[in-house]
C-alpha atoms as a PDB file:
ATOM      1  CA  MET A   1     -40.828   0.398 -28.474  1.00  0.00           C
ATOM      2  CA  ILE A   2     -41.482   3.051 -31.111  1.00  0.00           C
ATOM      3  CA  ALA A   3     -39.491   6.442 -29.832  1.00  0.00           C
ATOM      4  CA  ALA A   4     -41.531   9.778 -29.977  1.00  0.00           C
ATOM      5  CA  ALA A   5     -40.887  13.292 -31.244  1.00  0.00           C
ATOM      6  CA  THR A   6     -41.079  15.587 -28.820  1.00  0.00           C
ATOM      7  CA  LEU A   7     -42.348  19.830 -29.333  1.00  0.00           C
ATOM      8  CA  LYS A   8     -42.163  22.204 -26.286  1.00  0.00           C
ATOM      9  CA  GLN A   9     -44.546  25.156 -25.943  1.00  0.00           C
ATOM     10  CA  GLY A  10     -44.205  26.963 -23.585  1.00  0.00           C
ATOM     11  CA  LYS A  11     -44.440  24.825 -20.444  1.00  0.00           C
ATOM     12  CA  SER A  12     -45.999  21.924 -22.279  1.00  0.00           C
ATOM     13  CA  THR A  13     -44.271  19.137 -24.126  1.00  0.00           C
ATOM     14  CA  HIS A  14     -46.029  17.345 -26.756  1.00  0.00           C
ATOM     15  CA  LYS A  15     -45.283  13.837 -27.653  1.00  0.00           C
ATOM     16  CA  LEU A  16     -46.289  12.523 -30.926  1.00  0.00           C
ATOM     17  CA  ARG A  17     -45.740   8.682 -31.630  1.00  0.00           C
ATOM     18  CA  PHE A  18     -46.602   6.767 -34.733  1.00  0.00           C
ATOM     19  CA  THR A  19     -47.934   3.523 -32.817  1.00  0.00           C
ATOM     20  CA  THR A  20     -49.809   0.658 -34.317  1.00  0.00           C
ATOM     21  CA  GLY A  21     -52.933   2.240 -32.723  1.00  0.00           C
ATOM     22  CA  ALA A  22     -51.769   5.618 -34.085  1.00  0.00           C
ATOM     23  CA  LEU A  23     -51.645   4.358 -37.488  1.00  0.00           C
ATOM     24  CA  MET A  24     -54.714   2.536 -37.500  1.00  0.00           C
ATOM     25  CA  ARG A  25     -56.897   6.125 -36.308  1.00  0.00           C
ATOM     26  CA  PHE A  26     -54.930   7.851 -39.123  1.00  0.00           C
ATOM     27  CA  GLU A  27     -55.981   5.611 -41.948  1.00  0.00           C
ATOM     28  CA  GLU A  28     -59.654   5.550 -40.455  1.00  0.00           C
ATOM     29  CA  ASP A  29     -59.803   9.530 -40.499  1.00  0.00           C
ATOM     30  CA  ASN A  30     -58.620   9.216 -44.148  1.00  0.00           C
ATOM     31  CA  ASN A  31     -61.052   6.572 -46.087  1.00  0.00           C
ATOM     32  CA  GLY A  32     -59.100   3.270 -45.032  1.00  0.00           C
ATOM     33  CA  THR A  33     -55.987   4.734 -46.883  1.00  0.00           C
ATOM     34  CA  ALA A  34     -52.929   2.659 -46.085  1.00  0.00           C
ATOM     35  CA  PHE A  35     -50.649   4.630 -43.486  1.00  0.00           C
ATOM     36  CA  ASP A  36     -47.578   3.983 -46.078  1.00  0.00           C
ATOM     37  CA  VAL A  37     -49.237   5.947 -48.608  1.00  0.00           C
ATOM     38  CA  LEU A  38     -50.624   9.007 -46.368  1.00  0.00           C
ATOM     39  CA  LEU A  39     -47.151   9.071 -44.653  1.00  0.00           C
ATOM     40  CA  ASP A  40     -45.486   9.266 -48.351  1.00  0.00           C
ATOM     41  CA  ASP A  41     -48.000  12.067 -49.050  1.00  0.00           C
ATOM     42  CA  LEU A  42     -46.818  13.836 -45.826  1.00  0.00           C
ATOM     43  CA  ILE A  43     -43.201  13.785 -46.714  1.00  0.00           C
ATOM     44  CA  GLN A  44     -44.121  14.955 -50.145  1.00  0.00           C
ATOM     45  CA  GLY A  45     -46.300  17.750 -48.688  1.00  0.00           C
ATOM     46  CA  LYS A  46     -49.566  16.526 -50.277  1.00  0.00           C
ATOM     47  CA  GLY A  47     -52.590  16.593 -48.623  1.00  0.00           C
ATOM     48  CA  GLY A  48     -52.502  19.868 -46.874  1.00  0.00           C
ATOM     49  CA  VAL A  49     -53.176  20.764 -43.584  1.00  0.00           C
ATOM     50  CA  ARG A  50     -56.078  18.118 -43.265  1.00  0.00           C
ATOM     51  CA  LEU A  51     -53.713  15.508 -43.349  1.00  0.00           C
ATOM     52  CA  LEU A  52     -51.373  17.093 -41.228  1.00  0.00           C
ATOM     53  CA  VAL A  53     -53.781  17.988 -38.511  1.00  0.00           C
ATOM     54  CA  SER A  54     -55.372  13.887 -39.005  1.00  0.00           C
ATOM     55  CA  ALA A  55     -51.681  12.896 -38.335  1.00  0.00           C
ATOM     56  CA  LEU A  56     -51.294  14.934 -35.176  1.00  0.00           C
ATOM     57  CA  ALA A  57     -54.551  13.764 -34.169  1.00  0.00           C
ATOM     58  CA  ALA A  58     -53.830   9.888 -34.662  1.00  0.00           C
ATOM     59  CA  GLY A  59     -50.397  10.210 -32.980  1.00  0.00           C
ATOM     60  CA  LEU A  60     -50.396  12.803 -30.054  1.00  0.00           C
ATOM     61  CA  GLU A  61     -50.439  12.137 -26.503  1.00  0.00           C
ATOM     62  CA  ASP A  62     -47.505   9.651 -27.001  1.00  0.00           C
ATOM     63  CA  GLY A  63     -49.723   7.619 -29.318  1.00  0.00           C
ATOM     64  CA  ALA A  64     -52.648   7.337 -27.861  1.00  0.00           C
ATOM     65  CA  GLY A  65     -54.206  10.196 -29.905  1.00  0.00           C
ATOM     66  CA  VAL A  66     -56.086  13.557 -29.184  1.00  0.00           C
ATOM     67  CA  SER A  67     -59.240  15.168 -30.867  1.00  0.00           C
ATOM     68  CA  ARG A  68     -59.109  17.358 -34.489  1.00  0.00           C
ATOM     69  CA  GLU A  69     -59.838  20.489 -32.406  1.00  0.00           C
ATOM     70  CA  GLU A  70     -56.734  19.834 -30.255  1.00  0.00           C
ATOM     71  CA  ALA A  71     -54.402  18.914 -32.871  1.00  0.00           C
ATOM     72  CA  ILE A  72     -55.586  21.966 -34.942  1.00  0.00           C
ATOM     73  CA  ALA A  73     -54.800  24.183 -31.617  1.00  0.00           C
ATOM     74  CA  LEU A  74     -51.721  22.695 -31.258  1.00  0.00           C
ATOM     75  CA  VAL A  75     -50.867  24.105 -35.013  1.00  0.00           C
ATOM     76  CA  ASP A  76     -52.270  27.463 -34.279  1.00  0.00           C
ATOM     77  CA  ALA A  77     -49.998  27.589 -31.083  1.00  0.00           C
ATOM     78  CA  ALA A  78     -46.861  26.675 -32.753  1.00  0.00           C
ATOM     79  CA  GLY A  79     -47.669  29.316 -35.405  1.00  0.00           C
ATOM     80  CA  GLY A  80     -48.913  27.301 -38.397  1.00  0.00           C
ATOM     81  CA  ALA A  81     -48.795  24.385 -40.147  1.00  0.00           C
ATOM     82  CA  ARG A  82     -44.827  25.209 -41.446  1.00  0.00           C
ATOM     83  CA  GLN A  83     -43.650  25.261 -38.107  1.00  0.00           C
ATOM     84  CA  VAL A  84     -44.963  21.771 -37.111  1.00  0.00           C
ATOM     85  CA  VAL A  85     -44.120  19.754 -40.354  1.00  0.00           C
ATOM     86  CA  PRO A  86     -40.398  19.192 -38.702  1.00  0.00           C
ATOM     87  CA  PHE A  87     -42.429  17.618 -35.504  1.00  0.00           C
ATOM     88  CA  VAL A  88     -44.258  15.417 -37.788  1.00  0.00           C
ATOM     89  CA  GLY A  89     -41.267  14.277 -40.277  1.00  0.00           C
ATOM     90  CA  ASP A  90     -39.279  13.582 -36.652  1.00  0.00           C
ATOM     91  CA  ALA A  91     -41.723  11.305 -35.958  1.00  0.00           C
ATOM     92  CA  ILE A  92     -41.887   9.865 -39.106  1.00  0.00           C
ATOM     93  CA  ALA A  93     -38.168   8.896 -38.676  1.00  0.00           C
ATOM     94  CA  LYS A  94     -38.623   7.213 -35.326  1.00  0.00           C
ATOM     95  CA  ALA A  95     -41.498   5.240 -36.036  1.00  0.00           C
ATOM     96  CA  PHE A  96     -39.627   4.334 -39.051  1.00  0.00           C
ATOM     97  CA  PRO A  97     -35.645   4.162 -39.113  1.00  0.00           C
ATOM     98  CA  PRO A  98     -33.722   2.473 -41.672  1.00  0.00           C
ATOM     99  CA  PRO A  99     -33.126  -1.354 -41.057  1.00  0.00           C
ATOM    100  CA  LYS A 100     -29.796  -2.073 -39.428  1.00  0.00           C
ATOM    101  CA  GLY A 101     -27.311  -2.293 -42.173  1.00  0.00           C
ATOM    102  CA  ASP A 102     -28.987  -0.625 -44.909  1.00  0.00           C
ATOM    103  CA  ALA A 103     -26.680   2.578 -44.322  1.00  0.00           C
ATOM    104  CA  PRO A 104     -23.630   2.576 -46.780  1.00  0.00           C
ATOM    105  CA  GLY A 105     -21.061   0.450 -46.404  1.00  0.00           C
ATOM    106  CA  ALA A 106     -22.803  -1.141 -43.243  1.00  0.00           C
ATOM    107  CA  GLY A 107     -22.646  -4.972 -42.717  1.00  0.00           C
ATOM    108  CA  ASP A 108     -21.030  -7.459 -44.986  1.00  0.00           C
ATOM    109  CA  GLY A 109     -22.789  -6.422 -48.028  1.00  0.00           C
ATOM    110  CA  GLU A 110     -19.751  -4.515 -49.707  1.00  0.00           C
ATOM    111  CA  ALA A 111     -17.124  -7.595 -48.841  1.00  0.00           C
ATOM    112  CA  THR A 112     -19.315  -9.864 -51.139  1.00  0.00           C
ATOM    113  CA  ALA A 113     -20.775  -7.466 -53.210  1.00  0.00           C
ATOM    114  CA  GLY A 114     -20.447  -8.703 -57.234  1.00  0.00           C
ATOM    115  CA  LYS A 115     -19.221 -12.263 -55.862  1.00  0.00           C
ATOM    116  CA  ALA A 116     -22.093 -13.953 -56.563  1.00  0.00           C
ATOM    117  CA  SER A 117     -22.595 -18.011 -57.293  1.00  0.00           C
ATOM    118  CA  PRO A 118     -24.091 -19.424 -60.152  1.00  0.00           C
ATOM    119  CA  PRO A 119     -26.918 -21.455 -59.107  1.00  0.00           C
ATOM    120  CA  ALA A 120     -26.267 -25.381 -58.295  1.00  0.00           C
ATOM    121  CA  GLY A 121     -26.269 -27.263 -61.104  1.00  0.00           C
ATOM    122  CA  ALA A 122     -25.562 -24.473 -63.746  1.00  0.00           C
END
């Protein structure tokens, strides 16, 4: 299961989860642009507040999605876009963790690094 990022606002806790359905809504809201391009733009700070609100609208309510107006209200209640960016970043990180073994020194990659064999028949 894809983990959710959480944001507490007063007595409310908002959950943002980039499920498959959320990613599809995110793509649809952005003229069919692939989600990986959209997420890269978010991470790099491109796309402005419209892209941020689009991501929130697609994935809030634990991945079920909310209206654009509800997402805008969350941003305003949080104190603006800069206050919400870490929340979205956390959701991206939880939806796309590095594959196991990709961490430096993980797995047996170091033990076999530099020890390639020539192809058969060479």
